[in-house]
Amino acid sequence: MFKTLIYVVLMIFLIVILGSVLLEQFPQLVPLWNEFKLIVAELYESSKVKYGTIATIAIIFAVAMMIGTSRIG
């Protein structure tokens, strides 16, 4: 359990570092990234209004679990 938690934290850190490097190397992606963040925030807010905060967090967690446990190949 602890090993999995460390793994998740390290993967989040890796994604953040990789994203920062990509946005520094390709500055033309910054407007696209900002638009993506606005779309995700709007989707979250509309889901929160429709289903409530706890259900929205549960949906996000369930989707993350589905993506994280899927086996490709």
PDB file of N, CA and C in Angstrom:
ATOM      1  N   MET A   1       0.833  -1.193   0.000  1.00  0.00           N
ATOM      2  CA  MET A   1       0.000   0.000   0.000  1.00  0.00           C
ATOM      3  C   MET A   1       0.878   1.258   0.000  1.00  0.00           C
ATOM      4  N   PHE A   2       1.873   1.268   0.880  1.00  0.00           N
ATOM      5  CA  PHE A   2       2.767   2.421   0.966  1.00  0.00           C
ATOM      6  C   PHE A   2       3.583   2.563  -0.317  1.00  0.00           C
ATOM      7  N   LYS A   3       3.988   1.421  -0.867  1.00  0.00           N
ATOM      8  CA  LYS A   3       4.753   1.422  -2.113  1.00  0.00           C
ATOM      9  C   LYS A   3       3.916   2.016  -3.250  1.00  0.00           C
ATOM     10  N   THR A   4       2.649   1.676  -3.299  1.00  0.00           N
ATOM     11  CA  THR A   4       1.749   2.207  -4.329  1.00  0.00           C
ATOM     12  C   THR A   4       1.557   3.707  -4.165  1.00  0.00           C
ATOM     13  N   LEU A   5       1.430   4.160  -2.938  1.00  0.00           N
ATOM     14  CA  LEU A   5       1.262   5.588  -2.677  1.00  0.00           C
ATOM     15  C   LEU A   5       2.508   6.366  -3.110  1.00  0.00           C
ATOM     16  N   ILE A   6       3.674   5.836  -2.796  1.00  0.00           N
ATOM     17  CA  ILE A   6       4.927   6.477  -3.230  1.00  0.00           C
ATOM     18  C   ILE A   6       4.994   6.512  -4.756  1.00  0.00           C
ATOM     19  N   TYR A   7       4.607   5.409  -5.393  1.00  0.00           N
ATOM     20  CA  TYR A   7       4.612   5.321  -6.848  1.00  0.00           C
ATOM     21  C   TYR A   7       3.691   6.378  -7.455  1.00  0.00           C
ATOM     22  N   VAL A   8       2.501   6.560  -6.910  1.00  0.00           N
ATOM     23  CA  VAL A   8       1.548   7.550  -7.420  1.00  0.00           C
ATOM     24  C   VAL A   8       2.123   8.959  -7.271  1.00  0.00           C
ATOM     25  N   VAL A   9       2.694   9.256  -6.124  1.00  0.00           N
ATOM     26  CA  VAL A   9       3.271  10.587  -5.893  1.00  0.00           C
ATOM     27  C   VAL A   9       4.425  10.844  -6.861  1.00  0.00           C
ATOM     28  N   LEU A  10       5.277   9.858  -7.068  1.00  0.00           N
ATOM     29  CA  LEU A  10       6.392  10.026  -7.997  1.00  0.00           C
ATOM     30  C   LEU A  10       5.919  10.184  -9.441  1.00  0.00           C
ATOM     31  N   MET A  11       4.877   9.478  -9.830  1.00  0.00           N
ATOM     32  CA  MET A  11       4.354   9.616 -11.191  1.00  0.00           C
ATOM     33  C   MET A  11       3.725  10.996 -11.395  1.00  0.00           C
ATOM     34  N   ILE A  12       3.028  11.510 -10.397  1.00  0.00           N
ATOM     35  CA  ILE A  12       2.477  12.863 -10.493  1.00  0.00           C
ATOM     36  C   ILE A  12       3.611  13.877 -10.627  1.00  0.00           C
ATOM     37  N   PHE A  13       4.661  13.703  -9.841  1.00  0.00           N
ATOM     38  CA  PHE A  13       5.826  14.586  -9.924  1.00  0.00           C
ATOM     39  C   PHE A  13       6.459  14.513 -11.314  1.00  0.00           C
ATOM     40  N   LEU A  14       6.582  13.312 -11.869  1.00  0.00           N
ATOM     41  CA  LEU A  14       7.145  13.131 -13.203  1.00  0.00           C
ATOM     42  C   LEU A  14       6.290  13.820 -14.266  1.00  0.00           C
ATOM     43  N   ILE A  15       4.989  13.692 -14.159  1.00  0.00           N
ATOM     44  CA  ILE A  15       4.087  14.334 -15.118  1.00  0.00           C
ATOM     45  C   ILE A  15       4.206  15.850 -15.035  1.00  0.00           C
ATOM     46  N   VAL A  16       4.304  16.389 -13.827  1.00  0.00           N
ATOM     47  CA  VAL A  16       4.434  17.838 -13.653  1.00  0.00           C
ATOM     48  C   VAL A  16       5.745  18.341 -14.258  1.00  0.00           C
ATOM     49  N   ILE A  17       6.835  17.639 -13.981  1.00  0.00           N
ATOM     50  CA  ILE A  17       8.138  18.039 -14.525  1.00  0.00           C
ATOM     51  C   ILE A  17       8.134  17.935 -16.048  1.00  0.00           C
ATOM     52  N   LEU A  18       7.614  16.841 -16.574  1.00  0.00           N
ATOM     53  CA  LEU A  18       7.557  16.653 -18.023  1.00  0.00           C
ATOM     54  C   LEU A  18       6.690  17.724 -18.679  1.00  0.00           C
ATOM     55  N   GLY A  19       5.570  18.054 -18.066  1.00  0.00           N
ATOM     56  CA  GLY A  19       4.712  19.101 -18.599  1.00  0.00           C
ATOM     57  C   GLY A  19       5.389  20.461 -18.597  1.00  0.00           C
ATOM     58  N   SER A  20       6.118  20.764 -17.544  1.00  0.00           N
ATOM     59  CA  SER A  20       6.841  22.039 -17.480  1.00  0.00           C
ATOM     60  C   SER A  20       7.898  22.131 -18.572  1.00  0.00           C
ATOM     61  N   VAL A  21       8.627  21.043 -18.772  1.00  0.00           N
ATOM     62  CA  VAL A  21       9.651  21.033 -19.813  1.00  0.00           C
ATOM     63  C   VAL A  21       9.018  21.184 -21.194  1.00  0.00           C
ATOM     64  N   LEU A  22       7.924  20.479 -21.434  1.00  0.00           N
ATOM     65  CA  LEU A  22       7.250  20.579 -22.734  1.00  0.00           C
ATOM     66  C   LEU A  22       6.742  21.989 -22.997  1.00  0.00           C
ATOM     67  N   LEU A  23       6.164  22.616 -21.981  1.00  0.00           N
ATOM     68  CA  LEU A  23       5.655  23.971 -22.183  1.00  0.00           C
ATOM     69  C   LEU A  23       6.781  24.982 -22.350  1.00  0.00           C
ATOM     70  N   GLU A  24       7.945  24.722 -21.755  1.00  0.00           N
ATOM     71  CA  GLU A  24       9.095  25.611 -21.967  1.00  0.00           C
ATOM     72  C   GLU A  24       9.679  25.429 -23.361  1.00  0.00           C
ATOM     73  N   GLN A  25       9.734  24.196 -23.831  1.00  0.00           N
ATOM     74  CA  GLN A  25      10.323  23.920 -25.138  1.00  0.00           C
ATOM     75  C   GLN A  25       9.390  24.303 -26.290  1.00  0.00           C
ATOM     76  N   PHE A  26       8.097  24.209 -26.060  1.00  0.00           N
ATOM     77  CA  PHE A  26       7.113  24.511 -27.096  1.00  0.00           C
ATOM     78  C   PHE A  26       6.135  25.573 -26.575  1.00  0.00           C
ATOM     79  N   PRO A  27       6.527  26.846 -26.585  1.00  0.00           N
ATOM     80  CA  PRO A  27       5.664  27.888 -26.021  1.00  0.00           C
ATOM     81  C   PRO A  27       4.355  28.073 -26.796  1.00  0.00           C
ATOM     82  N   GLN A  28       4.286  27.581 -28.023  1.00  0.00           N
ATOM     83  CA  GLN A  28       3.041  27.711 -28.779  1.00  0.00           C
ATOM     84  C   GLN A  28       1.946  26.796 -28.217  1.00  0.00           C
ATOM     85  N   LEU A  29       2.304  25.874 -27.325  1.00  0.00           N
ATOM     86  CA  LEU A  29       1.309  24.993 -26.707  1.00  0.00           C
ATOM     87  C   LEU A  29       0.621  25.628 -25.497  1.00  0.00           C
ATOM     88  N   VAL A  30       1.123  26.752 -25.014  1.00  0.00           N
ATOM     89  CA  VAL A  30       0.565  27.378 -23.814  1.00  0.00           C
ATOM     90  C   VAL A  30      -0.906  27.774 -24.008  1.00  0.00           C
ATOM     91  N   PRO A  31      -1.293  28.424 -25.125  1.00  0.00           N
ATOM     92  CA  PRO A  31      -2.728  28.735 -25.284  1.00  0.00           C
ATOM     93  C   PRO A  31      -3.601  27.487 -25.345  1.00  0.00           C
ATOM     94  N   LEU A  32      -3.096  26.427 -25.968  1.00  0.00           N
ATOM     95  CA  LEU A  32      -3.845  25.169 -26.031  1.00  0.00           C
ATOM     96  C   LEU A  32      -4.004  24.568 -24.639  1.00  0.00           C
ATOM     97  N   TRP A  33      -2.955  24.621 -23.826  1.00  0.00           N
ATOM     98  CA  TRP A  33      -3.008  24.117 -22.458  1.00  0.00           C
ATOM     99  C   TRP A  33      -3.992  24.926 -21.615  1.00  0.00           C
ATOM    100  N   ASN A  34      -3.976  26.251 -21.778  1.00  0.00           N
ATOM    101  CA  ASN A  34      -4.912  27.098 -21.024  1.00  0.00           C
ATOM    102  C   ASN A  34      -6.353  26.808 -21.421  1.00  0.00           C
ATOM    103  N   GLU A  35      -6.597  26.578 -22.702  1.00  0.00           N
ATOM    104  CA  GLU A  35      -7.952  26.240 -23.167  1.00  0.00           C
ATOM    105  C   GLU A  35      -8.388  24.891 -22.593  1.00  0.00           C
ATOM    106  N   PHE A  36      -7.477  23.929 -22.556  1.00  0.00           N
ATOM    107  CA  PHE A  36      -7.781  22.624 -21.982  1.00  0.00           C
ATOM    108  C   PHE A  36      -8.149  22.747 -20.502  1.00  0.00           C
ATOM    109  N   LYS A  37      -7.394  23.563 -19.762  1.00  0.00           N
ATOM    110  CA  LYS A  37      -7.688  23.759 -18.340  1.00  0.00           C
ATOM    111  C   LYS A  37      -9.067  24.392 -18.144  1.00  0.00           C
ATOM    112  N   LEU A  38      -9.422  25.356 -19.002  1.00  0.00           N
ATOM    113  CA  LEU A  38     -10.741  25.984 -18.899  1.00  0.00           C
ATOM    114  C   LEU A  38     -11.853  24.981 -19.174  1.00  0.00           C
ATOM    115  N   ILE A  39     -11.660  24.111 -20.169  1.00  0.00           N
ATOM    116  CA  ILE A  39     -12.673  23.110 -20.498  1.00  0.00           C
ATOM    117  C   ILE A  39     -12.848  22.128 -19.352  1.00  0.00           C
ATOM    118  N   VAL A  40     -11.732  21.670 -18.768  1.00  0.00           N
ATOM    119  CA  VAL A  40     -11.810  20.729 -17.652  1.00  0.00           C
ATOM    120  C   VAL A  40     -12.474  21.372 -16.442  1.00  0.00           C
ATOM    121  N   ALA A  41     -12.145  22.623 -16.156  1.00  0.00           N
ATOM    122  CA  ALA A  41     -12.764  23.323 -15.022  1.00  0.00           C
ATOM    123  C   ALA A  41     -14.258  23.510 -15.243  1.00  0.00           C
ATOM    124  N   GLU A  42     -14.643  23.837 -16.470  1.00  0.00           N
ATOM    125  CA  GLU A  42     -16.068  24.004 -16.772  1.00  0.00           C
ATOM    126  C   GLU A  42     -16.809  22.668 -16.662  1.00  0.00           C
ATOM    127  N   LEU A  43     -16.191  21.589 -17.124  1.00  0.00           N
ATOM    128  CA  LEU A  43     -16.788  20.264 -17.009  1.00  0.00           C
ATOM    129  C   LEU A  43     -16.941  19.862 -15.543  1.00  0.00           C
ATOM    130  N   TYR A  44     -15.934  20.160 -14.738  1.00  0.00           N
ATOM    131  CA  TYR A  44     -15.998  19.855 -13.308  1.00  0.00           C
ATOM    132  C   TYR A  44     -17.124  20.646 -12.635  1.00  0.00           C
ATOM    133  N   GLU A  45     -17.214  21.927 -12.933  1.00  0.00           N
ATOM    134  CA  GLU A  45     -18.255  22.759 -12.314  1.00  0.00           C
ATOM    135  C   GLU A  45     -19.657  22.300 -12.720  1.00  0.00           C
ATOM    136  N   SER A  46     -19.842  21.963 -13.993  1.00  0.00           N
ATOM    137  CA  SER A  46     -21.172  21.515 -14.421  1.00  0.00           C
ATOM    138  C   SER A  46     -21.513  20.167 -13.804  1.00  0.00           C
ATOM    139  N   SER A  47     -20.516  19.291 -13.648  1.00  0.00           N
ATOM    140  CA  SER A  47     -20.752  18.007 -13.000  1.00  0.00           C
ATOM    141  C   SER A  47     -21.068  18.196 -11.522  1.00  0.00           C
ATOM    142  N   LYS A  48     -20.396  19.155 -10.899  1.00  0.00           N
ATOM    143  CA  LYS A  48     -20.646  19.438  -9.485  1.00  0.00           C
ATOM    144  C   LYS A  48     -22.063  19.950  -9.268  1.00  0.00           C
ATOM    145  N   VAL A  49     -22.545  20.768 -10.190  1.00  0.00           N
ATOM    146  CA  VAL A  49     -23.898  21.284 -10.073  1.00  0.00           C
ATOM    147  C   VAL A  49     -24.919  20.167 -10.281  1.00  0.00           C
ATOM    148  N   LYS A  50     -24.653  19.307 -11.267  1.00  0.00           N
ATOM    149  CA  LYS A  50     -25.624  18.263 -11.612  1.00  0.00           C
ATOM    150  C   LYS A  50     -25.636  17.119 -10.607  1.00  0.00           C
ATOM    151  N   TYR A  51     -24.446  16.659 -10.172  1.00  0.00           N
ATOM    152  CA  TYR A  51     -24.361  15.470  -9.319  1.00  0.00           C
ATOM    153  C   TYR A  51     -23.968  15.749  -7.883  1.00  0.00           C
ATOM    154  N   GLY A  52     -23.397  16.896  -7.598  1.00  0.00           N
ATOM    155  CA  GLY A  52     -22.930  17.195  -6.252  1.00  0.00           C
ATOM    156  C   GLY A  52     -21.432  16.960  -6.134  1.00  0.00           C
ATOM    157  N   THR A  53     -20.864  17.496  -5.082  1.00  0.00           N
ATOM    158  CA  THR A  53     -19.413  17.452  -4.915  1.00  0.00           C
ATOM    159  C   THR A  53     -18.888  16.037  -4.691  1.00  0.00           C
ATOM    160  N   ILE A  54     -19.509  15.305  -3.794  1.00  0.00           N
ATOM    161  CA  ILE A  54     -19.008  13.971  -3.458  1.00  0.00           C
ATOM    162  C   ILE A  54     -19.143  13.030  -4.647  1.00  0.00           C
ATOM    163  N   ALA A  55     -20.261  13.083  -5.353  1.00  0.00           N
ATOM    164  CA  ALA A  55     -20.440  12.219  -6.519  1.00  0.00           C
ATOM    165  C   ALA A  55     -19.453  12.578  -7.623  1.00  0.00           C
ATOM    166  N   THR A  56     -19.173  13.864  -7.806  1.00  0.00           N
ATOM    167  CA  THR A  56     -18.213  14.280  -8.821  1.00  0.00           C
ATOM    168  C   THR A  56     -16.816  13.770  -8.486  1.00  0.00           C
ATOM    169  N   ILE A  57     -16.420  13.878  -7.232  1.00  0.00           N
ATOM    170  CA  ILE A  57     -15.110  13.367  -6.823  1.00  0.00           C
ATOM    171  C   ILE A  57     -15.066  11.853  -6.992  1.00  0.00           C
ATOM    172  N   ALA A  58     -16.165  11.169  -6.685  1.00  0.00           N
ATOM    173  CA  ALA A  58     -16.219   9.717  -6.870  1.00  0.00           C
ATOM    174  C   ALA A  58     -16.095   9.348  -8.345  1.00  0.00           C
ATOM    175  N   ILE A  59     -16.721  10.117  -9.226  1.00  0.00           N
ATOM    176  CA  ILE A  59     -16.620   9.866 -10.669  1.00  0.00           C
ATOM    177  C   ILE A  59     -15.180  10.058 -11.133  1.00  0.00           C
ATOM    178  N   ILE A  60     -14.541  11.132 -10.694  1.00  0.00           N
ATOM    179  CA  ILE A  60     -13.143  11.379 -11.081  1.00  0.00           C
ATOM    180  C   ILE A  60     -12.252  10.252 -10.578  1.00  0.00           C
ATOM    181  N   PHE A  61     -12.457   9.825  -9.356  1.00  0.00           N
ATOM    182  CA  PHE A  61     -11.668   8.738  -8.787  1.00  0.00           C
ATOM    183  C   PHE A  61     -11.893   7.439  -9.556  1.00  0.00           C
ATOM    184  N   ALA A  62     -13.154   7.161  -9.915  1.00  0.00           N
ATOM    185  CA  ALA A  62     -13.468   5.934 -10.653  1.00  0.00           C
ATOM    186  C   ALA A  62     -12.822   5.947 -12.035  1.00  0.00           C
ATOM    187  N   VAL A  63     -12.859   7.072 -12.710  1.00  0.00           N
ATOM    188  CA  VAL A  63     -12.229   7.166 -14.031  1.00  0.00           C
ATOM    189  C   VAL A  63     -10.718   6.988 -13.917  1.00  0.00           C
ATOM    190  N   ALA A  64     -10.126   7.600 -12.904  1.00  0.00           N
ATOM    191  CA  ALA A  64      -8.684   7.448 -12.701  1.00  0.00           C
ATOM    192  C   ALA A  64      -8.328   5.993 -12.393  1.00  0.00           C
ATOM    193  N   MET A  65      -9.148   5.315 -11.623  1.00  0.00           N
ATOM    194  CA  MET A  65      -8.909   3.904 -11.332  1.00  0.00           C
ATOM    195  C   MET A  65      -9.051   3.044 -12.579  1.00  0.00           C
ATOM    196  N   MET A  66     -10.037   3.338 -13.410  1.00  0.00           N
ATOM    197  CA  MET A  66     -10.214   2.588 -14.651  1.00  0.00           C
ATOM    198  C   MET A  66      -9.015   2.760 -15.573  1.00  0.00           C
ATOM    199  N   ILE A  67      -8.540   3.987 -15.699  1.00  0.00           N
ATOM    200  CA  ILE A  67      -7.391   4.249 -16.564  1.00  0.00           C
ATOM    201  C   ILE A  67      -6.135   3.607 -15.975  1.00  0.00           C
ATOM    202  N   GLY A  68      -5.979   3.708 -14.676  1.00  0.00           N
ATOM    203  CA  GLY A  68      -4.781   3.177 -14.033  1.00  0.00           C
ATOM    204  C   GLY A  68      -4.700   1.664 -13.997  1.00  0.00           C
ATOM    205  N   THR A  69      -5.838   0.984 -14.033  1.00  0.00           N
ATOM    206  CA  THR A  69      -5.819  -0.478 -13.949  1.00  0.00           C
ATOM    207  C   THR A  69      -6.070  -1.145 -15.283  1.00  0.00           C
ATOM    208  N   SER A  70      -6.234  -0.383 -16.358  1.00  0.00           N
ATOM    209  CA  SER A  70      -6.479  -1.000 -17.656  1.00  0.00           C
ATOM    210  C   SER A  70      -5.201  -1.668 -18.162  1.00  0.00           C
ATOM    211  N   ARG A  71      -5.388  -2.788 -18.781  1.00  0.00           N
ATOM    212  CA  ARG A  71      -4.269  -3.543 -19.354  1.00  0.00           C
ATOM    213  C   ARG A  71      -4.353  -3.449 -20.865  1.00  0.00           C
ATOM    214  N   ILE A  72      -3.318  -2.905 -21.460  1.00  0.00           N
ATOM    215  CA  ILE A  72      -3.275  -2.779 -22.910  1.00  0.00           C
ATOM    216  C   ILE A  72      -2.314  -3.838 -23.440  1.00  0.00           C
ATOM    217  N   GLY A  73      -2.810  -4.617 -24.373  1.00  0.00           N
ATOM    218  CA  GLY A  73      -1.914  -5.604 -25.002  1.00  0.00           C
ATOM    219  C   GLY A  73      -2.236  -7.005 -24.716  1.00  0.00           C
TER     220      GLY A  73
END
